[in-house]
Protein backbone atom coordinates (compact mmCIF):
# COMPACT_ATOMS: atom_id res chain seq x y z
CA MET A 1 102.47 96.93 123.77
CA ALA A 2 104.57 97.74 120.71
CA LYS A 3 105.92 94.84 118.69
CA VAL A 4 109.66 94.34 118.91
CA ILE A 5 111.57 94.55 115.63
CA VAL A 6 115.28 93.71 115.71
CA ILE A 7 117.55 95.34 113.15
CA ASP A 8 120.90 93.66 112.67
CA PRO A 9 123.74 95.74 111.14
CA GLY A 10 126.01 93.09 109.63
CA HIS A 11 129.62 92.62 110.76
CA GLY A 12 131.46 95.05 113.07
CA GLY A 13 134.56 95.28 115.22
CA LEU A 14 137.44 93.23 113.83
CA ASP A 15 135.14 91.92 111.09
CA PRO A 16 134.80 94.67 108.46
CA GLY A 17 132.71 92.54 106.10
CA ALA A 18 133.05 93.39 102.42
CA VAL A 19 135.43 96.24 101.53
CA GLY A 20 135.88 98.35 98.42
CA ASN A 21 136.20 101.91 97.17
CA GLY A 22 137.37 103.10 100.56
CA LEU A 23 134.26 101.75 102.30
CA GLN A 24 133.77 98.97 104.84
CA GLU A 25 130.53 97.02 104.99
CA LYS A 26 130.34 97.28 108.80
CA ASP A 27 130.21 101.09 108.65
CA VAL A 28 127.58 101.31 105.93
CA THR A 29 125.31 98.71 107.52
CA LEU A 30 125.44 100.56 110.85
CA ALA A 31 124.59 103.86 109.18
CA ILE A 32 121.58 102.34 107.41
CA ALA A 33 120.43 100.50 110.55
CA GLN A 34 120.64 103.58 112.78
CA ARG A 35 118.56 105.62 110.38
CA ALA A 36 116.10 102.78 109.68
CA SER A 37 115.55 102.36 113.42
CA TYR A 38 114.84 106.09 113.74
CA PHE A 39 112.28 106.03 110.92
CA LEU A 40 110.68 102.81 112.14
CA ARG A 41 110.13 104.20 115.64
CA GLN A 42 107.99 106.88 114.06
CA TYR A 43 105.47 104.11 113.30
CA GLY A 44 105.38 103.16 116.97
CA ALA A 45 107.63 100.09 116.76
CA ASP A 46 109.89 98.97 119.59
CA VAL A 47 113.18 98.73 117.70
CA ARG A 48 116.30 97.01 119.04
CA LEU A 49 119.70 96.93 117.32
CA THR A 50 122.03 93.96 117.69
CA ARG A 51 124.87 96.47 117.77
CA ALA A 52 124.84 100.21 118.27
CA GLY A 53 128.55 100.72 117.61
CA ASP A 54 131.60 99.18 115.99
CA ARG A 55 131.59 95.85 117.79
CA THR A 56 130.43 92.25 117.60
CA PHE A 57 129.23 89.79 120.23
CA SER A 58 132.27 87.58 119.60
CA THR A 59 135.42 87.54 117.49
CA ASP A 60 134.42 84.00 116.52
CA LYS A 61 132.20 84.29 113.46
CA HIS A 62 129.93 81.36 114.29
CA ALA A 63 129.52 82.49 117.91
CA ASP A 64 128.73 86.03 116.76
CA LEU A 65 126.01 84.91 114.35
CA ASN A 66 124.51 82.67 117.02
CA ALA A 67 124.50 85.58 119.48
CA ARG A 68 122.73 87.88 117.03
CA ALA A 69 119.95 85.34 116.60
CA GLU A 70 119.85 84.72 120.36
CA PHE A 71 119.53 88.48 120.95
CA ALA A 72 116.39 88.54 118.80
CA ASN A 73 114.99 85.37 120.32
CA ASN A 74 115.52 86.65 123.88
CA ALA A 75 113.77 89.92 122.93
CA GLN A 76 110.83 87.85 121.65
CA ALA A 77 111.03 89.88 118.49
CA ALA A 78 108.22 89.78 115.95
CA TYR A 79 110.55 90.48 113.02
CA PHE A 80 114.29 90.30 112.35
CA VAL A 81 115.91 92.43 109.63
CA SER A 82 119.60 91.87 108.88
CA ILE A 83 121.33 94.52 106.76
CA HIS A 84 124.37 93.74 104.59
CA ILE A 85 126.30 95.12 101.62
CA ASN A 86 127.27 92.83 98.75
CA ALA A 87 130.54 92.38 96.83
CA GLY A 88 132.01 90.16 94.16
CA GLY A 89 130.71 91.47 90.87
CA GLY A 90 127.24 92.82 90.45
CA SER A 91 125.06 95.80 91.24
CA GLY A 92 121.83 96.55 93.03
CA PHE A 93 119.61 95.07 95.70
CA GLU A 94 118.48 91.58 96.65
CA SER A 95 116.74 90.05 99.64
CA TYR A 96 116.80 86.62 101.28
CA VAL A 97 114.56 84.53 103.49
CA MET A 98 115.34 81.07 104.83
CA THR A 99 115.27 78.23 102.30
CA GLY A 100 111.76 76.72 102.29
CA MET A 101 110.15 79.85 103.79
CA ALA A 102 109.15 81.62 100.55
CA ASP A 103 105.54 80.42 100.94
CA GLU A 104 105.40 81.07 104.70
CA GLU A 105 104.98 84.28 106.70
CA ALA A 106 108.63 85.21 106.13
CA GLY A 107 107.99 85.06 102.40
CA ARG A 108 104.86 87.19 102.63
CA ARG A 109 106.80 89.85 104.48
CA GLN A 110 109.68 89.54 102.01
CA ASN A 111 107.29 90.43 99.19
CA ILE A 112 106.36 93.64 100.99
CA MET A 113 109.84 94.61 102.18
CA HIS A 114 111.49 93.78 98.89
CA ARG A 115 109.06 95.90 96.90
CA GLU A 116 109.74 98.96 99.06
CA VAL A 117 113.54 98.71 99.10
CA ALA A 118 113.89 97.65 95.45
CA GLU A 119 111.91 100.72 94.42
CA ALA A 120 114.38 102.98 96.26
CA PHE A 121 117.29 101.32 94.45
CA GLU A 122 115.62 101.53 91.08
CA LYS A 123 114.90 105.24 91.58
CA ALA A 124 118.65 105.69 92.08
CA GLY A 125 119.41 103.76 88.90
CA LEU A 126 120.46 100.46 90.47
CA PRO A 127 118.79 97.17 89.57
CA ASP A 128 116.47 94.87 91.49
CA ARG A 129 118.29 91.51 91.65
CA GLY A 130 115.23 89.74 92.99
CA LYS A 131 113.87 87.82 95.97
CA LYS A 132 115.96 84.80 96.95
CA THR A 133 116.32 82.14 99.63
CA ALA A 134 119.38 80.91 101.49
CA ASN A 135 120.46 78.92 104.54
CA PHE A 136 122.09 81.88 106.31
CA ALA A 137 122.64 81.42 110.05
CA VAL A 138 120.67 84.49 111.14
CA LEU A 139 117.71 83.31 109.05
CA ARG A 140 117.97 79.73 110.29
CA LEU A 141 118.50 80.39 113.99
CA THR A 142 115.92 83.12 114.60
CA ASN A 143 112.52 81.99 115.93
CA MET A 144 110.57 84.76 114.19
CA PRO A 145 110.16 85.61 110.49
CA ALA A 146 113.47 87.01 109.31
CA ILE A 147 114.92 88.68 106.23
CA LEU A 148 118.44 89.53 105.08
CA LEU A 149 118.92 92.53 102.78
CA GLU A 150 121.95 92.96 100.50
CA CYS A 151 121.99 96.70 99.83
CA GLY A 152 124.27 97.33 96.87
CA PHE A 153 127.79 96.22 95.89
CA ILE A 154 130.59 97.94 97.78
CA ASP A 155 133.21 97.03 95.15
CA ARG A 156 131.33 98.61 92.22
CA ASP A 157 132.04 102.29 91.68
CA GLU A 158 128.43 103.28 90.90
CA ASP A 159 127.02 101.50 93.94
CA ALA A 160 129.78 102.74 96.25
CA THR A 161 129.25 106.35 95.20
CA LEU A 162 125.63 106.10 96.29
CA LEU A 163 126.53 104.30 99.52
CA ARG A 164 128.61 107.36 100.46
CA ASN A 165 125.64 109.64 99.85
CA ARG A 166 123.63 110.58 102.95
CA THR A 167 120.47 111.18 100.96
CA PHE A 168 120.66 107.72 99.39
CA ILE A 169 121.33 106.09 102.79
CA ASP A 170 118.25 107.84 104.14
CA SER A 171 116.12 106.70 101.20
CA ILE A 172 117.14 103.08 101.79
CA ALA A 173 116.59 103.39 105.55
CA GLU A 174 113.16 104.91 105.05
CA ALA A 175 112.24 102.14 102.60
CA ILE A 176 113.32 99.48 105.11
CA ALA A 177 111.29 101.14 107.86
CA ARG A 178 108.27 101.49 105.60
CA GLY A 179 108.56 97.88 104.45
CA ALA A 180 108.87 96.54 107.99
CA ALA A 181 105.92 98.66 109.16
CA LYS A 182 103.73 97.47 106.29
CA ALA A 183 104.81 93.84 106.80
CA MET A 184 103.95 94.10 110.50
CA GLY A 185 100.60 95.84 109.89
CA ILE A 186 101.61 98.99 111.78
CA PHE A 187 102.05 101.30 108.80
CA SER A 188 100.33 104.67 109.07
CA SER A 189 101.35 108.30 108.93
CA PRO A 190 104.58 108.56 110.95
CA LEU A 191 104.06 109.75 114.50
CA VAL A 192 106.34 112.74 113.97
CA ASP A 193 103.90 114.06 111.39
CA ASN A 194 101.08 114.04 113.93
CA PRO A 195 102.64 114.70 117.34
CA SER A 196 100.44 114.41 120.39
CA PRO A 197 100.39 117.30 122.89
CA ASN A 198 102.59 115.28 125.23
CA GLN A 199 105.06 114.15 122.56
CA PRO A 200 108.25 116.26 122.68
CA GLN A 201 109.31 117.84 119.42
CA VAL A 202 112.46 116.16 118.13
CA ILE A 203 115.10 118.53 116.76
CA SER A 204 117.81 115.96 115.95
CA LYS A 205 117.95 113.85 112.80
CA TYR A 206 119.10 110.83 114.81
CA TYR A 207 118.00 111.05 118.44
CA LYS A 208 114.55 111.27 119.97
CA ASP A 209 115.85 112.67 123.28
CA ILE A 210 117.40 115.79 121.73
CA THR A 211 114.45 118.12 122.22
CA PRO A 212 113.65 121.87 122.37
CA GLY A 213 116.00 123.69 124.68
CA MET A 214 118.96 121.80 123.25
CA GLU A 215 119.10 123.66 119.94
CA TRP A 216 122.56 125.02 120.81
CA ALA A 217 123.96 121.45 120.76
CA ALA A 218 121.71 119.56 118.32
CA ALA A 219 123.74 120.29 115.19
CA SER A 220 126.99 119.25 116.90
CA VAL A 221 125.42 116.03 118.18
CA ASP A 222 124.26 115.15 114.65
CA LYS A 223 127.68 115.97 113.18
CA LEU A 224 129.40 113.67 115.67
CA PHE A 225 127.01 110.88 114.61
CA GLU A 226 127.64 111.47 110.90
CA ARG A 227 131.41 111.48 111.40
CA GLY A 228 131.26 108.27 113.42
CA ILE A 229 132.85 109.92 116.46
CA MET A 230 130.05 109.55 119.03
CA ARG A 231 126.84 107.59 118.81
CA GLY A 232 123.90 106.95 121.10
CA ASP A 233 122.58 103.78 122.70
CA GLY A 234 121.24 102.21 119.49
CA GLN A 235 117.66 102.75 120.64
CA GLY A 236 117.36 106.29 119.29
CA ASN A 237 118.67 107.99 122.43
CA PHE A 238 121.79 110.15 122.82
CA ARG A 239 121.46 110.19 126.63
CA PRO A 240 122.38 113.90 126.78
CA PHE A 241 122.63 114.13 130.58
CA ASP A 242 124.41 110.86 131.32
CA LYS A 243 128.00 110.94 132.51
CA MET A 244 130.54 109.54 130.03
CA THR A 245 132.53 106.56 131.28
CA ARG A 246 136.24 106.24 130.64
CA LEU A 247 135.48 103.45 128.16
CA GLU A 248 133.05 105.66 126.23
CA ALA A 249 135.55 108.53 126.29
CA ALA A 250 138.25 106.26 124.90
CA VAL A 251 136.02 105.14 122.04
CA ALA A 252 134.97 108.70 121.16
CA LEU A 253 138.56 109.98 121.27
CA ASN A 254 139.78 107.10 119.11
CA HIS A 255 137.02 107.71 116.56
CA ALA A 256 137.91 111.42 116.51
CA ILE A 257 141.58 110.64 115.87
CA GLU A 258 140.66 108.17 113.08
CA TYR A 259 138.40 110.80 111.49
CA VAL A 260 141.16 113.45 111.53
CA LEU A 261 143.71 111.01 110.08
CA LYS A 262 141.32 110.11 107.26
CA GLN A 263 140.83 113.77 106.44
CA LEU A 264 144.60 114.39 106.43
CA SER A 265 145.23 111.40 104.15
CA ARG A 266 142.87 112.66 101.43
């Protein structure tokens, strides 16, 4: 049975997180998490996201953080990776484990994860701010080894420019997936590089259930994801043949309107 890894995109819903340079932390963390989950599944991991869209468990901050940890605990996850974007003067990448855990399993995994992600930042010209510890709720309340990643500074022009870049987002997501896979001892050549005869060929950048025969729609599905108009279930599936509920239709229409308004305001 595949080990469960929970990826936690920070903030969401009415909580935008840090803001700057026209970006909101909640949007960037979700973009990184969605791509990291896709790459990590190629190593055979069972990946769960605490949120697959623009929402939180609760509008109460403490209740929301508790629920994120509870989500991972209930899933009996083997690893918890929380993704955030920094602000407040600075640049680059830093990672955190729970205070007192630097010499425990969480610290061993931090060494591996940090090395992979820091290298991606350094290749882009942003500094490695180092491995740190903190008493963050999601690190304290999770039962499994956990790490929190601060991926750049949203209020610094140089960092923000990269955080808008799809190639940079992918490089960070790949590094997170590679780091988690190495930390969990499941790192090998990604499954998509060596497909089995029964493994369907994936033709979407984001969804494993967009397969041959759907070429006519694959590009549109990916564009909707990139524009934030319509997303899948957070587990790498678009659910192409499911009926859309009125709630899902309302969300997609609202995202489409917001996207058009943003384009008109430029």
